[in-house]
């Protein structure tokens, strides 16, 4: 099958949105992919090609502030990102599609499906950062201790940034540490948004894909979402962590294909 990879840009809210289209010569259905925090549209290229080989057109966006799309000029929340995706779809005349979202993109996908239910045929969420619980694991406790040590003892030494970087990494918030100032503020705004109540209102067929060894969004979140979303199916990928689409692309693509062809 002849598959084209197109790279395009479209202006939304004054921002030039970069997106990629993996398009077979013939297709019946379009899949729109929303990547996670710190990732890009290209992150999904292995899965996108596998889906395209089965006759799906795949569109993946560089969300504002990631990849080749500039950051917003103001501090966006999840509602702003969802509205940006909606305007993107309108601009490229994408009216109905399968929506796939990973991590941060998974949270956006839940909110988008709730806000624009007639545009989404089926929903796929992968290790979605959609449930916000107060939980402090051993790594995060160590991170807090390191952070306190850094601020009280070594804040004026050359080693401070080493301890700061290590603390964020252990806490699972290294994405925040790496972000530029405006994206740090956006991160702080979106990290508190819980999608549990919205998930309970979704009636669309939904596939939940999760890495069994995920430490960023634990497997218990997948179980919760499976219970919240009435018409959902849970696929757990053994040996995978937070990004199974990177480490297990064939399993992720196969699960999506089976779900859509059922």
Protein backbone atom coordinates (compact mmCIF):
# COMPACT_ATOMS: atom_id res chain seq x y z
CA UNK A 1 0.00 0.00 0.00
CA UNK A 2 1.27 3.47 -0.93
CA UNK A 3 1.40 5.64 2.19
CA UNK A 4 2.13 9.37 2.12
CA UNK A 5 3.59 11.33 5.02
CA UNK A 6 2.50 14.94 4.78
CA UNK A 7 3.80 17.72 7.04
CA UNK A 8 1.56 20.77 7.22
CA UNK A 9 0.94 23.93 9.22
CA UNK A 10 -2.26 25.82 9.97
CA UNK A 11 -2.78 28.99 12.01
CA UNK A 12 -5.08 28.75 15.04
CA UNK A 13 -5.51 31.55 17.60
CA UNK A 14 -2.46 33.23 16.08
CA UNK A 15 -0.33 30.08 16.52
CA UNK A 16 1.15 28.13 13.61
CA UNK A 17 0.16 24.55 14.40
CA UNK A 18 2.47 21.90 12.93
CA UNK A 19 0.82 18.58 12.15
CA UNK A 20 1.62 15.36 10.34
CA UNK A 21 -0.68 13.23 8.21
CA UNK A 22 0.08 9.58 7.53
CA UNK A 23 -2.27 8.94 4.64
CA UNK A 24 -2.77 5.72 2.65
CA UNK A 25 -3.93 6.00 -0.95
CA UNK A 26 -7.42 4.89 0.13
CA UNK A 27 -8.97 5.24 3.58
CA UNK A 28 -12.39 5.11 5.23
CA UNK A 29 -11.66 6.54 8.67
CA UNK A 30 -9.44 9.23 10.19
CA UNK A 31 -7.64 8.92 13.52
CA UNK A 32 -6.61 12.11 15.32
CA UNK A 33 -3.75 11.71 17.81
CA UNK A 34 -3.07 14.05 20.75
CA UNK A 35 0.37 13.44 22.25
CA UNK A 36 1.43 13.68 25.89
CA UNK A 37 3.32 16.40 27.75
CA UNK A 38 6.85 16.79 26.40
CA UNK A 39 6.16 14.65 23.32
CA UNK A 40 5.41 15.61 19.70
CA UNK A 41 3.35 14.46 16.74
CA UNK A 42 6.38 12.51 15.51
CA UNK A 43 6.42 10.46 18.73
CA UNK A 44 3.55 8.38 17.31
CA UNK A 45 5.07 7.74 13.87
CA UNK A 46 5.61 3.99 14.40
CA UNK A 47 2.02 3.44 15.47
CA UNK A 48 0.77 5.84 12.77
CA UNK A 49 2.40 3.84 9.98
CA UNK A 50 1.03 0.56 11.32
CA UNK A 51 -2.47 2.08 11.42
CA UNK A 52 -2.05 3.54 7.92
CA UNK A 53 -1.07 0.11 6.61
CA UNK A 54 -4.51 -1.07 7.74
CA UNK A 55 -6.27 1.70 5.83
CA UNK A 56 -6.58 4.48 8.42
CA UNK A 57 -5.60 8.09 7.81
CA UNK A 58 -3.70 9.32 10.89
CA UNK A 59 -3.36 12.99 11.81
CA UNK A 60 -1.06 13.92 14.70
CA UNK A 61 -0.70 17.47 16.03
CA UNK A 62 2.20 19.24 17.69
CA UNK A 63 0.13 20.79 20.47
CA UNK A 64 0.97 24.43 21.31
CA UNK A 65 4.25 24.57 23.22
CA UNK A 66 5.55 21.24 21.90
CA UNK A 67 7.53 20.09 18.89
CA UNK A 68 7.48 22.72 16.13
CA UNK A 69 4.38 24.54 17.42
CA UNK A 70 5.13 27.70 19.46
CA UNK A 71 3.80 28.08 22.99
CA UNK A 72 0.62 30.07 23.51
CA UNK A 73 1.01 33.74 24.34
CA UNK A 74 -1.05 33.30 27.50
CA UNK A 75 -1.39 30.64 30.19
CA UNK A 76 -3.66 27.99 28.67
CA UNK A 77 -5.65 25.44 30.63
CA UNK A 78 -7.19 22.19 29.40
CA UNK A 79 -10.26 24.07 28.13
CA UNK A 80 -8.03 26.29 25.97
CA UNK A 81 -6.19 23.29 24.54
CA UNK A 82 -9.46 21.53 23.78
CA UNK A 83 -10.76 24.64 22.06
CA UNK A 84 -7.52 24.83 20.08
CA UNK A 85 -8.00 21.24 18.89
CA UNK A 86 -11.63 22.06 17.98
CA UNK A 87 -10.55 25.08 15.91
CA UNK A 88 -7.83 22.98 14.27
CA UNK A 89 -10.42 20.41 13.20
CA UNK A 90 -12.66 23.15 11.82
CA UNK A 91 -9.78 24.70 9.90
CA UNK A 92 -8.81 21.46 8.16
CA UNK A 93 -12.50 20.43 7.77
CA UNK A 94 -12.22 17.36 9.96
CA UNK A 95 -15.77 16.68 11.09
CA UNK A 96 -15.72 13.12 12.48
CA UNK A 97 -12.86 10.95 13.61
CA UNK A 98 -11.46 8.45 16.08
CA UNK A 99 -9.74 10.37 18.87
CA UNK A 100 -6.56 8.94 20.42
CA UNK A 101 -4.83 10.63 23.35
CA UNK A 102 -1.82 9.76 25.49
CA UNK A 103 -1.12 11.08 29.01
CA UNK A 104 -1.88 14.85 28.89
CA UNK A 105 -3.40 14.21 25.46
CA UNK A 106 -5.56 11.52 27.07
CA UNK A 107 -7.00 14.06 29.50
CA UNK A 108 -7.63 16.44 26.59
CA UNK A 109 -9.32 13.63 24.65
CA UNK A 110 -11.75 12.94 27.48
CA UNK A 111 -12.64 16.63 27.74
CA UNK A 112 -12.89 17.02 23.96
CA UNK A 113 -15.22 14.02 23.69
CA UNK A 114 -17.39 15.45 26.45
CA UNK A 115 -17.47 18.93 24.88
CA UNK A 116 -17.87 17.82 21.23
CA UNK A 117 -19.49 14.36 21.32
CA UNK A 118 -20.79 14.41 17.73
CA UNK A 119 -17.27 14.80 16.33
CA UNK A 120 -15.85 11.68 17.98
CA UNK A 121 -16.79 8.22 16.69
CA UNK A 122 -14.64 6.20 19.09
CA UNK A 123 -12.25 7.19 21.85
CA UNK A 124 -8.86 5.66 22.67
CA UNK A 125 -6.97 6.80 25.76
CA UNK A 126 -3.46 5.58 26.53
CA UNK A 127 -1.99 5.99 30.04
CA UNK A 128 -4.13 9.09 30.44
CA UNK A 129 -3.14 11.71 33.03
CA UNK A 130 -6.82 12.22 33.80
CA UNK A 131 -7.23 11.36 37.48
CA UNK A 132 -5.61 13.56 40.09
CA UNK A 133 -5.04 11.92 43.46
CA UNK A 134 -2.89 12.99 46.36
CA UNK A 135 -0.34 10.21 46.49
CA UNK A 136 3.25 10.31 47.57
CA UNK A 137 5.34 7.27 46.73
CA UNK A 138 8.83 6.52 48.06
CA UNK A 139 10.53 8.28 45.14
CA UNK A 140 8.49 11.41 45.70
CA UNK A 141 9.27 11.40 49.42
CA UNK A 142 12.98 11.23 48.57
CA UNK A 143 12.44 14.03 46.05
CA UNK A 144 10.79 16.23 48.67
CA UNK A 145 13.67 15.61 51.06
CA UNK A 146 16.22 16.48 48.37
CA UNK A 147 14.30 19.60 47.46
CA UNK A 148 14.25 20.74 51.08
CA UNK A 149 17.94 19.98 51.43
CA UNK A 150 18.71 21.95 48.30
CA UNK A 151 16.79 25.03 49.37
CA UNK A 152 18.07 25.08 52.95
CA UNK A 153 21.66 23.93 52.64
CA UNK A 154 23.12 24.21 49.16
CA UNK A 155 21.05 26.82 47.36
CA UNK A 156 24.12 29.02 46.86
CA UNK A 157 26.49 26.31 45.73
CA UNK A 158 27.18 25.00 42.19
CA UNK A 159 25.48 21.74 43.17
CA UNK A 160 22.04 23.30 43.72
CA UNK A 161 20.80 22.76 40.15
CA UNK A 162 21.96 19.14 40.25
CA UNK A 163 19.84 18.50 43.35
CA UNK A 164 16.92 20.47 41.89
CA UNK A 165 17.02 18.44 38.67
CA UNK A 166 17.27 15.16 40.60
CA UNK A 167 14.36 16.12 42.86
CA UNK A 168 12.04 16.90 39.95
CA UNK A 169 13.04 13.71 38.16
CA UNK A 170 12.36 11.55 41.21
CA UNK A 171 9.05 13.31 41.82
CA UNK A 172 7.88 12.48 38.32
CA UNK A 173 7.69 16.20 37.50
CA UNK A 174 10.78 16.47 35.30
CA UNK A 175 8.50 17.74 32.53
CA UNK A 176 7.92 20.81 34.71
CA UNK A 177 11.64 21.27 35.35
CA UNK A 178 12.44 21.21 31.61
CA UNK A 179 9.64 23.56 30.53
CA UNK A 180 10.12 27.22 29.64
CA UNK A 181 8.49 29.80 31.98
CA UNK A 182 5.10 30.03 30.27
CA UNK A 183 4.86 26.26 29.84
CA UNK A 184 5.70 25.85 33.53
CA UNK A 185 2.69 28.02 34.37
CA UNK A 186 0.55 26.01 31.96
CA UNK A 187 1.79 22.78 33.56
CA UNK A 188 0.80 24.05 37.02
CA UNK A 189 -2.65 24.96 35.68
CA UNK A 190 -3.43 21.69 33.89
CA UNK A 191 -1.91 19.34 36.48
CA UNK A 192 -4.81 19.91 38.89
CA UNK A 193 -7.59 19.20 36.36
CA UNK A 194 -9.36 15.95 37.20
CA UNK A 195 -11.44 14.34 34.43
CA UNK A 196 -13.21 11.76 36.58
CA UNK A 197 -16.66 13.37 36.46
CA UNK A 198 -16.43 14.03 32.72
CA UNK A 199 -15.34 10.43 32.10
CA UNK A 200 -18.49 9.21 33.82
CA UNK A 201 -20.60 11.08 31.25
CA UNK A 202 -18.95 9.58 28.16
CA UNK A 203 -21.07 7.03 26.27
CA UNK A 204 -18.77 6.52 23.29
CA UNK A 205 -17.06 3.17 22.69
CA UNK A 206 -13.71 3.63 24.43
CA UNK A 207 -10.48 1.64 24.44
CA UNK A 208 -8.20 2.17 27.44
CA UNK A 209 -4.58 1.12 26.80
CA UNK A 210 -2.20 1.03 29.77
CA UNK A 211 1.34 -0.04 30.55
CA UNK A 212 1.31 -2.43 33.48
CA UNK A 213 4.53 -0.91 34.88
CA UNK A 214 3.43 2.71 34.50
CA UNK A 215 4.75 4.74 37.44
CA UNK A 216 3.57 8.16 36.24
CA UNK A 217 -0.11 7.24 35.95
CA UNK A 218 -0.55 4.01 37.93
CA UNK A 219 -2.60 1.06 36.75
CA UNK A 220 -5.25 1.89 39.37
CA UNK A 221 -6.11 4.95 37.25
CA UNK A 222 -6.85 2.67 34.31
CA UNK A 223 -9.13 0.56 36.52
CA UNK A 224 -10.92 3.70 37.69
CA UNK A 225 -11.43 4.99 34.15
CA UNK A 226 -12.65 1.58 33.02
CA UNK A 227 -15.28 1.80 35.76
CA UNK A 228 -16.18 5.42 34.98
CA UNK A 229 -16.63 5.05 31.21
CA UNK A 230 -19.66 2.86 30.62
CA UNK A 231 -18.76 1.43 27.21
CA UNK A 232 -15.02 0.96 27.74
CA UNK A 233 -12.55 -1.88 27.26
CA UNK A 234 -9.22 -2.16 29.05
CA UNK A 235 -6.05 -3.45 27.38
CA UNK A 236 -3.06 -3.83 29.72
CA UNK A 237 0.34 -4.19 28.04
CA UNK A 238 2.77 -6.28 30.05
CA UNK A 239 6.30 -4.93 30.38
CA UNK A 240 5.25 -1.44 29.28
CA UNK A 241 5.54 1.70 31.35
CA UNK A 242 4.05 5.15 30.71
CA UNK A 243 4.60 5.24 26.94
CA UNK A 244 3.67 1.85 25.43
CA UNK A 245 3.22 3.46 22.00
CA UNK A 246 7.01 3.95 21.98
CA UNK A 247 8.12 0.61 23.42
CA UNK A 248 5.31 -1.64 22.17
CA UNK A 249 4.00 0.02 18.98
CA UNK A 250 2.76 -3.22 17.41
CA UNK A 251 0.70 -4.09 20.48
CA UNK A 252 -0.73 -0.57 20.70
CA UNK A 253 -1.56 -0.42 16.98
CA UNK A 254 -2.96 -3.95 17.04
CA UNK A 255 -5.21 -3.14 19.98
CA UNK A 256 -6.55 -0.03 18.24
CA UNK A 257 -7.14 -1.91 14.98
CA UNK A 258 -8.96 -4.76 16.73
CA UNK A 259 -11.07 -2.27 18.68
CA UNK A 260 -12.08 -0.31 15.56
CA UNK A 261 -12.75 -3.41 13.46
CA UNK A 262 -14.85 -5.22 16.05
